[in-house]
Protein backbone atom coordinates (compact mmCIF):
# COMPACT_ATOMS: atom_id res chain seq x y z
CA MET A 1 76.83 142.26 101.26
CA LYS A 2 73.50 141.54 103.00
CA ARG A 3 73.35 138.39 100.65
CA LEU A 4 76.71 137.00 102.13
CA LEU A 5 76.65 138.57 106.21
CA TYR A 6 73.45 137.07 107.14
CA PRO A 7 74.25 133.41 106.22
CA LEU A 8 77.66 133.80 108.00
CA ILE A 9 76.13 135.35 110.77
CA ALA A 10 73.15 132.36 110.87
CA SER A 11 76.53 129.91 110.50
CA ALA A 12 78.07 131.15 113.67
CA LEU A 13 74.37 131.59 115.33
CA ILE A 14 74.68 127.53 114.74
CA THR A 15 78.06 126.76 115.68
CA ILE A 16 78.37 129.14 118.68
CA VAL A 17 75.04 128.95 120.80
CA PRO A 18 75.64 125.07 121.53
CA PHE A 19 79.30 125.90 122.36
CA LEU A 20 78.42 128.73 125.03
CA LEU A 21 75.24 127.13 126.54
CA THR A 22 77.85 123.79 127.52
CA PHE A 23 80.40 126.24 128.64
CA GLU A 24 82.06 125.94 131.93
CA LYS A 25 85.15 127.85 133.33
CA GLY A 26 88.44 126.53 132.26
CA GLN A 27 87.66 124.22 129.43
CA ASP A 28 89.86 124.09 126.80
CA ILE A 29 87.70 123.23 123.40
CA ILE A 30 89.05 125.02 120.27
CA ARG A 31 86.16 126.00 118.43
CA GLY A 32 85.45 127.88 114.82
CA LEU A 33 83.33 131.25 114.81
CA PHE A 34 80.91 130.03 112.25
CA GLY A 35 80.52 126.53 110.79
CA TYR A 36 81.71 126.04 107.37
CA GLU A 37 79.27 123.21 106.43
CA TYR A 38 76.05 125.22 107.87
CA PHE A 39 77.04 128.14 105.57
CA ALA A 40 77.52 125.94 102.42
CA LEU A 41 73.81 124.73 103.06
CA LEU A 42 72.58 128.03 104.04
CA LEU A 43 73.88 129.29 100.76
CA LEU A 44 72.52 126.36 98.94
CA ILE A 45 69.03 126.70 101.01
CA ILE A 46 68.52 129.84 99.54
CA PHE A 47 69.46 129.20 95.79
CA ILE A 48 67.32 126.07 95.97
CA LYS A 49 64.14 128.14 97.56
CA SER A 50 64.74 130.97 94.71
CA LYS A 51 63.79 127.80 92.00
CA LEU A 52 59.94 127.55 93.40
CA THR A 53 57.53 129.46 92.20
CA ASN A 54 55.26 131.29 94.50
CA SER A 55 52.23 129.26 92.93
CA SER A 56 48.99 129.15 94.82
CA LEU A 57 47.33 125.84 95.55
CA ARG A 58 45.28 126.47 92.49
CA GLY A 59 48.43 127.22 90.21
CA PHE A 60 50.00 124.26 91.75
CA LEU A 61 47.52 122.16 90.49
CA GLN A 62 47.07 123.19 86.78
CA MET A 63 51.18 123.27 86.38
CA PRO A 64 51.81 121.53 83.24
CA LYS A 65 53.13 117.78 84.05
CA GLN A 66 56.87 118.75 83.37
CA THR A 67 56.30 121.83 84.94
CA LEU A 68 55.18 120.09 88.11
CA VAL A 69 57.71 117.09 88.24
CA LYS A 70 60.00 120.11 88.06
CA PHE A 71 58.32 121.58 91.08
CA LEU A 72 58.29 118.72 93.14
CA ALA A 73 62.26 118.06 92.32
CA THR A 74 63.17 121.10 93.50
CA ALA A 75 60.64 120.98 96.63
CA ILE A 76 62.03 117.59 97.60
CA LEU A 77 66.05 119.17 97.16
CA LEU A 78 64.82 122.13 99.51
CA ALA A 79 63.74 119.40 101.98
CA LEU A 80 67.05 117.22 101.64
CA ALA A 81 69.08 120.61 102.47
CA ILE A 82 67.20 121.87 105.52
CA ILE A 83 67.13 118.15 107.03
CA THR A 84 71.07 118.00 106.26
CA LEU A 85 71.07 120.82 108.18
CA PHE A 86 69.44 119.80 111.01
CA ILE A 87 71.83 116.70 111.27
CA VAL A 88 75.01 118.31 110.65
CA ALA A 89 73.98 120.62 114.11
CA LYS A 90 72.87 117.75 115.81
CA LEU A 91 76.39 115.98 114.83
CA ASP A 92 77.74 119.13 116.28
CA LEU A 93 76.22 119.33 119.34
CA GLN A 94 76.99 115.48 120.33
CA ASN A 95 80.87 116.34 119.25
CA LEU A 96 80.51 118.66 122.37
CA LEU A 97 78.65 116.68 124.76
CA ALA A 98 80.43 113.81 123.71
CA ILE A 99 84.19 115.40 124.85
CA LYS A 100 82.45 116.30 128.56
CA ASN A 101 80.73 112.65 128.45
CA TRP A 102 77.59 114.27 128.95
CA GLU A 103 74.14 113.26 127.89
CA ALA A 104 71.79 115.07 125.42
CA ASN A 105 69.04 115.73 127.66
CA TRP A 106 67.59 118.77 127.03
CA TYR A 107 70.05 120.12 124.93
CA GLY A 108 69.06 118.24 122.15
CA ILE A 109 66.23 120.95 121.23
CA ILE A 110 68.90 123.23 120.47
CA PRO A 111 70.01 122.20 116.73
CA PHE A 112 66.30 122.65 116.00
CA ILE A 113 66.15 126.30 117.48
CA THR A 114 69.17 127.61 116.23
CA CYS A 115 68.55 125.93 112.60
CA ALA A 116 65.18 126.99 112.65
CA LEU A 117 66.04 130.60 113.14
CA ALA A 118 69.28 130.32 110.69
CA ILE A 119 66.69 129.57 107.95
CA ALA A 120 64.23 132.15 109.06
CA MET A 121 67.18 135.19 108.67
CA VAL A 122 68.18 134.21 105.25
CA TRP A 123 64.96 132.81 103.78
CA GLN A 124 63.69 136.13 102.07
CA LEU A 125 67.30 136.73 100.48
CA LYS A 126 68.53 137.09 96.75
CA PRO A 127 70.72 134.11 96.10
CA PHE A 128 74.08 133.84 94.25
CA LYS A 129 74.42 132.05 91.16
CA PHE A 130 75.69 128.40 91.73
CA ASN A 131 79.32 129.41 90.46
CA THR A 132 79.21 132.05 92.88
CA ILE A 133 78.11 130.04 95.67
CA CYS A 134 81.27 127.83 94.36
CA PHE A 135 83.86 130.67 94.51
CA ILE A 136 82.84 131.74 97.88
CA LEU A 137 82.71 128.34 99.34
CA PHE A 138 86.83 128.25 97.98
CA ILE A 139 87.57 131.71 99.57
CA ALA A 140 86.19 130.83 102.34
CA LEU A 141 88.11 127.46 103.17
CA ALA A 142 91.02 129.03 101.57
CA LEU A 143 90.96 131.76 104.53
CA HIS A 144 90.08 129.42 107.36
CA LEU A 145 93.24 127.67 105.99
CA GLU A 146 95.46 130.61 105.93
CA VAL A 147 94.16 131.80 109.25
CA ASN A 148 94.48 128.05 110.82
CA ASN A 149 97.94 128.31 109.93
CA ARG A 150 99.03 131.35 111.52
CA TYR A 151 96.74 131.32 114.38
CA ALA A 152 95.94 127.64 115.03
CA ALA A 153 94.35 128.25 118.64
CA GLN A 154 91.46 130.25 116.90
CA PRO A 155 90.39 128.54 114.07
CA LEU A 156 88.14 130.40 111.31
CA ALA A 157 85.78 127.58 110.38
CA GLN A 158 83.96 124.98 112.55
CA PHE A 159 83.48 121.29 110.30
CA PRO A 160 80.97 119.27 112.42
CA THR A 161 81.09 116.54 110.31
CA ILE A 162 84.76 115.73 109.93
CA ASP A 163 84.84 115.92 113.64
CA TYR A 164 82.25 113.73 114.22
CA LEU A 165 84.22 111.23 111.82
CA GLU A 166 87.29 111.48 113.36
CA ARG A 167 85.63 111.09 117.00
CA THR A 168 83.70 108.53 115.73
CA THR A 169 85.88 106.06 114.02
CA PRO A 170 87.83 103.15 115.10
CA LYS A 171 91.01 104.13 116.11
CA PRO A 172 94.17 101.64 115.88
CA ALA A 173 95.99 100.66 118.88
CA GLN A 174 98.63 103.38 119.90
CA ARG A 175 101.77 102.10 118.63
CA SER A 176 104.43 104.98 119.23
CA GLU A 177 105.19 105.23 122.72
CA ILE A 178 106.43 102.70 124.57
CA THR A 179 104.42 101.12 127.99
CA LYS A 180 105.86 101.23 131.28
CA GLU A 181 106.03 98.12 131.65
CA PHE A 182 108.64 97.72 128.84
CA HIS A 183 110.71 100.29 129.99
CA GLN A 184 110.92 98.94 133.70
CA LYS A 185 111.80 95.14 132.18
CA TYR A 186 113.85 95.71 129.25
CA THR A 187 116.54 98.91 128.19
CA VAL A 188 114.71 101.13 126.15
CA SER A 189 116.98 103.41 123.37
CA ASP A 190 116.23 106.25 121.00
CA SER A 191 119.61 104.84 119.24
CA VAL A 192 119.33 103.51 115.85
CA THR A 193 123.32 102.32 116.12
CA ILE A 194 123.15 99.37 119.02
CA THR A 195 126.18 97.20 117.65
CA ARG A 196 128.76 99.18 117.86
CA ASP A 197 128.51 99.52 121.71
CA PHE A 198 128.43 95.77 122.52
CA VAL A 199 130.95 94.12 119.81
CA ASP A 200 133.92 92.38 121.69
CA THR A 201 137.65 92.91 119.31
CA THR A 202 138.66 90.15 121.38
CA ARG A 203 136.62 87.23 120.10
CA ASN A 204 134.87 86.29 117.42
CA ASN A 205 131.52 88.52 116.56
CA VAL A 206 128.19 87.56 114.84
CA ILE A 207 125.61 90.15 113.79
CA ILE A 208 122.25 88.95 112.79
CA LEU A 209 119.40 91.19 111.79
CA VAL A 210 116.18 89.36 111.71
CA GLU A 211 113.94 90.06 109.00
CA SER A 212 110.60 92.00 110.28
CA TRP A 213 111.46 90.98 113.65
CA GLY A 214 109.20 94.27 115.61
CA VAL A 215 108.62 94.80 118.70
CA PRO A 216 105.07 93.51 119.78
CA LEU A 217 102.50 95.52 121.97
CA ASN A 218 101.89 92.07 123.98
CA ILE A 219 104.61 92.02 125.87
CA GLN A 220 104.27 88.40 127.05
CA ARG A 221 104.66 87.82 122.95
CA PHE A 222 107.98 89.46 123.18
CA GLU A 223 108.94 87.30 126.59
CA LYS A 224 107.72 84.03 124.87
CA GLN A 225 110.31 85.06 121.79
CA LEU A 226 113.03 84.96 124.42
CA GLU A 227 112.44 81.68 125.80
CA ILE A 228 114.74 80.08 123.54
CA PHE A 229 117.59 82.37 124.48
CA LYS A 230 117.49 81.47 128.09
CA GLY A 231 120.74 80.64 129.76
CA PHE A 232 122.60 83.02 126.63
CA THR A 233 120.57 86.27 127.30
CA SER A 234 123.52 88.88 128.42
CA ILE A 235 121.24 91.97 127.46
CA VAL A 236 117.50 92.68 126.30
CA GLY A 237 116.44 95.61 124.92
CA ILE A 238 114.14 97.67 122.32
CA HIS A 239 115.48 100.79 120.21
CA ASN A 240 113.92 102.92 117.40
CA ARG A 241 114.44 103.00 114.16
CA MET A 242 114.24 105.90 111.72
CA TYR A 243 113.15 103.79 108.57
CA SER A 244 111.47 100.96 107.75
CA ARG A 245 114.06 99.72 105.59
CA THR A 246 116.07 96.83 105.73
CA ARG A 247 118.93 98.10 103.55
CA THR A 248 118.94 101.54 105.69
CA ALA A 249 118.91 98.89 108.82
CA GLU A 250 122.05 97.08 107.48
CA ARG A 251 124.15 100.04 107.63
CA GLU A 252 123.02 101.41 110.57
CA ASP A 253 123.73 98.48 112.74
CA LEU A 254 127.13 98.63 110.99
CA ILE A 255 127.89 102.07 112.10
CA LYS A 256 131.19 102.50 114.12
CA ALA A 257 131.46 106.54 113.43
CA ILE A 258 130.46 109.47 111.55
CA THR A 259 132.76 112.27 111.38
CA ARG A 260 132.30 115.72 109.31
CA ASP A 261 135.25 117.40 107.73
CA SER A 262 135.63 120.84 108.72
CA ILE A 263 136.69 122.50 105.70
CA THR A 264 134.46 120.73 103.27
CA LYS A 265 131.56 119.89 105.91
CA GLN A 266 131.62 116.52 104.11
CA LYS A 267 130.28 113.34 106.29
CA ASP A 268 132.42 110.52 106.25
CA THR A 269 131.35 107.22 108.08
CA LEU A 270 133.76 104.30 109.62
CA PHE A 271 131.97 100.85 109.13
CA LEU A 272 133.08 97.99 111.85
CA PRO A 273 133.89 95.65 108.92
CA LYS A 274 136.87 98.05 108.18
CA VAL A 275 137.81 98.46 111.90
CA PHE A 276 137.79 94.53 112.34
CA ASN A 277 139.51 94.28 108.91
CA GLU A 278 142.45 96.13 110.74
CA LEU A 279 142.53 93.57 113.22
CA ASP A 280 142.95 90.59 110.78
CA TYR A 281 139.52 89.31 111.16
CA GLN A 282 137.96 87.79 108.42
CA THR A 283 134.97 89.86 107.57
CA THR A 284 132.08 88.21 105.98
CA PHE A 285 128.22 89.41 105.12
CA LEU A 286 125.56 86.31 104.42
CA PHE A 287 122.21 87.11 102.91
CA GLY A 288 119.77 84.01 101.77
CA GLY A 289 118.57 85.82 98.76
CA ASP A 290 120.16 87.75 95.74
CA SER A 291 122.61 89.83 95.41
CA LEU A 292 120.84 92.24 93.13
CA GLU A 293 118.12 92.92 95.56
CA HIS A 294 118.63 96.46 97.27
CA TYR A 295 121.70 96.20 94.73
CA ARG A 296 123.66 94.57 97.75
CA PHE A 297 126.73 93.86 95.40
CA LYS A 298 127.45 97.40 95.32
CA TYR A 299 126.98 98.99 98.97
CA ILE A 300 127.85 95.68 101.35
CA LYS A 301 131.27 96.01 99.49
CA ASN A 302 131.94 99.24 100.02
CA ILE A 303 130.73 98.76 103.79
CA GLY A 304 134.05 96.88 103.86
CA PHE A 305 133.84 92.89 103.76
CA GLY A 306 136.10 90.97 102.52
CA GLU A 307 133.73 88.19 101.43
CA SER A 308 130.30 88.09 100.42
CA ILE A 309 128.00 84.92 100.44
CA TYR A 310 124.58 84.90 98.70
CA GLY A 311 122.11 82.12 98.92
CA ASN A 312 120.32 83.04 95.91
CA GLY A 313 116.63 81.60 97.38
CA LEU A 314 118.38 79.57 100.50
CA ASN A 315 116.29 79.88 103.61
CA ASP A 316 117.78 80.76 106.96
CA GLN A 317 118.71 77.21 108.19
CA ALA A 318 120.92 76.58 105.00
CA MET A 319 123.00 79.98 105.45
CA VAL A 320 123.01 79.00 109.46
CA SER A 321 124.55 76.02 108.53
CA LYS A 322 127.54 78.13 106.58
CA ILE A 323 127.99 80.29 109.48
CA ASP A 324 128.57 77.27 111.15
CA SER A 325 131.73 75.92 108.65
CA ILE A 326 132.96 79.42 108.77
CA LEU A 327 133.09 79.39 112.72
CA THR A 328 134.51 76.22 113.19
CA ASP A 329 137.82 77.63 111.22
CA SER A 330 139.92 78.74 114.56
CA THR A 331 142.86 80.08 112.81
CA GLN A 332 141.64 83.38 112.64
CA ASN A 333 138.99 85.49 114.09
CA HIS A 334 135.78 86.35 112.64
CA PHE A 335 133.44 88.90 112.38
CA ILE A 336 130.11 87.88 110.68
CA ALA A 337 126.87 90.11 109.65
CA TRP A 338 123.87 88.01 108.58
CA THR A 339 120.74 89.34 107.35
CA THR A 340 118.22 86.26 107.60
CA THR A 341 115.13 85.89 104.89
CA ASP A 342 112.65 83.38 106.13
CA THR A 343 109.93 86.05 107.93
CA LYS A 344 109.96 88.22 105.37
CA PHE A 345 107.05 90.43 103.77
CA PRO A 346 105.10 89.77 101.37
CA MET A 347 105.11 86.12 102.30
CA GLU A 348 105.24 83.45 99.09
CA GLU A 349 102.05 81.85 101.26
CA PHE A 350 99.85 84.79 100.86
CA ALA A 351 99.10 86.44 97.32
CA ASP A 352 97.10 89.12 98.11
CA ILE A 353 99.62 91.15 100.95
CA TYR A 354 97.21 93.38 102.45
CA ASN A 355 93.65 91.43 102.26
CA SER A 356 95.15 88.07 103.68
CA ASN A 357 93.59 86.77 106.50
CA ALA A 358 95.55 88.50 109.57
CA ASP A 359 95.49 85.19 112.27
CA SER A 360 97.06 82.86 109.23
CA VAL A 361 99.74 85.28 108.50
CA ASN A 362 100.34 85.81 112.78
CA SER A 363 100.49 81.94 112.54
CA THR A 364 103.16 81.75 109.76
CA TYR A 365 105.00 84.28 110.41
CA THR A 366 105.31 83.19 114.62
CA THR A 367 106.33 79.76 113.23
CA LYS A 368 108.68 80.68 110.83
CA LEU A 369 110.35 83.46 113.43
CA LYS A 370 110.56 80.28 116.00
CA ASN A 371 112.39 78.17 113.65
CA THR A 372 115.38 80.93 112.54
CA PHE A 373 115.77 81.64 116.38
CA ALA A 374 116.03 77.99 117.04
CA GLN A 375 118.72 77.74 114.42
CA ILE A 376 120.39 80.59 115.57
CA ALA A 377 119.91 78.93 118.96
CA GLY A 378 121.71 75.93 117.91
CA LEU A 379 124.99 78.37 116.82
CA VAL A 380 125.13 80.07 120.16
CA HIS A 381 125.01 76.92 122.12
CA LYS A 382 127.54 75.38 119.80
CA PHE A 383 130.16 78.44 120.26
CA PRO A 384 129.77 79.65 123.65
CA LYS A 385 132.76 81.73 123.14
CA THR A 386 131.65 83.81 120.41
CA ARG A 387 130.02 87.35 120.91
CA PHE A 388 126.09 87.48 119.35
CA ILE A 389 123.88 90.40 118.32
CA ILE A 390 120.78 89.78 117.10
CA GLN A 391 118.66 92.92 116.56
CA GLY A 392 115.04 93.28 113.99
CA ASP A 393 115.32 95.57 111.06
CA HIS A 394 112.19 96.73 111.15
CA ASN A 395 108.43 96.23 112.84
CA PRO A 396 106.52 93.53 109.82
CA ILE A 397 105.66 95.57 107.29
CA LEU A 398 103.82 94.67 103.70
CA SER A 399 101.21 92.22 105.45
CA PRO A 400 97.26 93.09 106.80
CA THR A 401 97.13 96.30 108.57
CA GLU A 402 95.10 93.96 111.82
CA PHE A 403 98.59 92.06 111.98
CA GLN A 404 100.84 95.25 111.67
CA ASN A 405 98.99 96.83 114.72
CA LYS A 406 100.51 93.81 116.78
CA PHE A 407 103.37 95.64 116.71
CA TYR A 408 105.01 98.76 117.58
CA LYS A 409 105.91 101.63 114.96
CA ARG A 410 109.77 101.67 114.02
CA TRP A 411 110.77 99.79 117.47
CA VAL A 412 112.62 96.77 116.97
CA PRO A 413 114.29 94.51 119.79
CA TYR A 414 117.97 93.28 120.38
CA ILE A 415 119.74 90.85 122.31
CA ILE A 416 123.08 90.38 123.24
CA LEU A 417 124.15 86.47 123.78
CA ASN A 418 127.14 85.29 125.62
């Protein structure tokens, strides 16, 4: 019991002393009761130290060459373990001081004192076998995880190296919470369904889902994207998507209502195309890609469109021409939904999805998005009596991380025109 208790107390000494010496009234720092890494290193130090013989200097000089090499290797390993103990203790102290923005000053001597005392406490202990040490560390980790699951406010173990890496690793820009600047200038909604609130049953409606159009962290970039629609814009806002999938967005955007049977508890979804079909509208879905992609030929039909047009590789300009020809037919009303493809990732210009040059990806994406918007703006100008609802399907994904970090996660813009 002594062989286990002493290293545990020694590891607690190294962990708790700097915490107590830097303690301030009212501070709220969660701290483990013992240092897991200290505990492991101390058990290892005892184990390695036991492999050294207590030979005198004369005996050391008279050792056979093979035994001497083994002795020196063991001594070096022991020295490295002790040095590692001091380094981890120093990292632990730095973590504490960094929380308060304090300088090291005299606190720098604490790791040397606590580690020296800890080594002195365990130096004469009889070691465990290496397999036993591994088992003890496994049990200690399991206990820590169980206690942490039940009492998160008081962890059992402290992990200084992990805390240090977490503190010093560069962190990407915050991409979840929308800034006050966006809230002040635009409508911000947590809703995933926007279309149903703005469709107009008295005239033509064109619902456009823009591939990979997310909300930029830079509000000036967003405003620049909107300039092309100046004079036509009724409402500009941003809303939250639950999933970063085009297929899911196509369904979400076209939901009118979701009901649940009171007896069977089964859900039933009413989609907008079915509503407009009953109003004698011609309902058309357009996509520049293949109908087999995401099995659109199946679920688009189930949503209720009377007609589906697939481009099998046609760009956004070609699809805009098809919408133009549909809207030119004034003998009936139209409900049109179109999913763009030009800004879809991965882009054919970049063979390596995640390791391509982020600036080049950014430039290409910006140019393609601008061209798509120019085509849409032409439609909006030509058909001023048609309601246009434009949204993004998700923020850019399948692209270099540096580029992805320019956009909020799961937030997309929407524009209501005419």
